[in-house]
Structures are given as structure tokens and as C-alpha cells.
Amino acid sequence: MTPTPDEAGTEPGISRKTLLRAAVAAGAAVPLLAGGAVALARDSARTPGTTLAPTPFCDDGDDPTPDQIEGPYFKPSSPLRTDLTTAGTAGTRLTVRGYVFGRNCVPLSGVLLDFWQADQAGAYDMAGYTLRGHQFTDSTGAFTLRTIVPGLYPGRTRHIHVKAQAPGEPVLTTQLYFPGEPRNNTDTIFDPALLMNVRDAGGGKEATFDFVLNVDGGPGPGTPTDPPGGTWAPGRAYRAGDRVTYGSGAYRCLQAHTSMTGWEPPSVPALWGRA
């Protein structure tokens, strides 16, 4: 079997994840910087010639097939927003900031990040879109997410779900974890490579995490083109400027992405506009 990205560079039979889990069990937060914080991709990206290790997938383990790795609570068509809270949202406020890089240390702009999580009581909103939302990295590859610290539910440690997709590239489905959680040592899905840096900030918390996608970053998208029109379909790589028809309307792609059910025009105005 071909080693997964988190196993690359280790001795046979000993994965990076295994080594990190053992270190966490021994009381260490790994990998560490001199100040004791979890290392971020941006720290390694400052070294010339560095190749970054891709952020690992994270499987909830309760899905019917290996391809369905987002867990049982993902919903497509989340709203475009960077703040998942409202004035009435209960819980400790949390702001997560970070960057998305390619393996070659180039920050990636226009990356789709779709977040979802449990509320303070450990429940997911399956009727609506509470604590769900998607956004895109800016021109520097940066993102900011405003939410709450998620609650616990049986069998899992505290976590935030996320799908990340660079324009026209495969989707990474993974989770973010909190350091110092007692359940980190008993949750069989927990991966210390996905730990955020978290600190107290006023009455809430601030966290940092950098994603690394299994792609090489480039200079950015070229001039939008207008290829012959076609009918929108899922699983297709669309570029900014591409035109499609859907239902009785014509639409123009605003943001490069790979289509999926739930992102049809005009359901996601961040991706499609009227042509």
C-alpha cells in the first residue's frame, strides 16, 4: 500500500501520526517551536527550498465508504460568511486565523474553505445552517473564521470540520483540534498534526492553523476565458469566466472551483453570477 502523506519520511511501520500521538501521550505538544507553541506551516515556509507536508485527511470512522470522509454532519450549500455566530449564539467566542499554502510554500489565494461544527451543547444543526459557512482565502492566502469553541459529544474530542479546495483541485476534508483536551488521548480519530495553537484573548479565545494542500502553488489564475457554453454538471473543474446553463438561466463562473452537488447556480452566488 502506498504510504499516506503523513507517513512519508518515517521508518517502515512507523507513521508520522504514530510518532506525534506517542509524543502527545508523553505530554508533549508536537511539533514545537522554541516558545512552546505548535509549529505552523508559515514557520517552515520561511526556509528556502523547503517542501511542506500536506495537511492530513481526517476520517470520522463512521461513514459507509472510504470516500465519504467528512463525517455524518456535512451539509452542502452553506452560506458565504466568515462569522458563523449571531448575537444569540451561546458559547465561548473563538477566532481562527491562518494561511493556506501549496507544498512548495506558495500561499494559495481563492481556496474554498467550508467549516461546520457542533454548538456549545455538542449538537449539529441539520435543519438549517447554524455554525456552518464557507469562505475563500484572500490574495495573500489568508483566512479568518469567527465562531465558538465547539461542545463535546459522545466518542469524540473537541473539533472543527473543514473542507479545503484550491481552484480546480481535489477537496481535502479534515478537522482541527484543540490542545490540552483530555479526550485527545482517547479519541481514535484525533491526529496531533491537526492541533491548532490556541490562547486566551479577553473573554474568548484565538487560534492559528495553516493548511498545506497537496498541490504546487503558482503565480495565480490567468485571464478569464469564455469557452463554448455547456450545461452545469457536478465534478467538473470550472475556471473564472466559464459559462454554463442551468435550468432556464445562463451563468458565468466567478471563482474557480470543482463543482459538487449543492453548489449549483444560482444556489451559491459566490461561485456563479448571471451571464
Foldseek 3Di string as FASTA:
>chain_A
DDDDLQQPPDDPPQGVQNVCLVVVVVPAQPPADPVRFHDAPLVVLVDPPAFDRADDFFALPPDPDPVPRQDDQDDFLAAADQELDDPPADAFKEKEKEFEAERNSQTAWFKKKWKAAAGQQRHGDPPHRRRTHIYTQHPRRMGMHIYHFHHDDPQDWTWMWMWIGGFPGDIGTHIAHEPPTPCLSVRPRRGSSRYWGWDDDVRHIYTYHYGYHHHHDDPDDDDADEDDEEADDAQAWDDAQYWYDYDHFIKGFHGTHGGDPNVDPPSHVNTIDGD
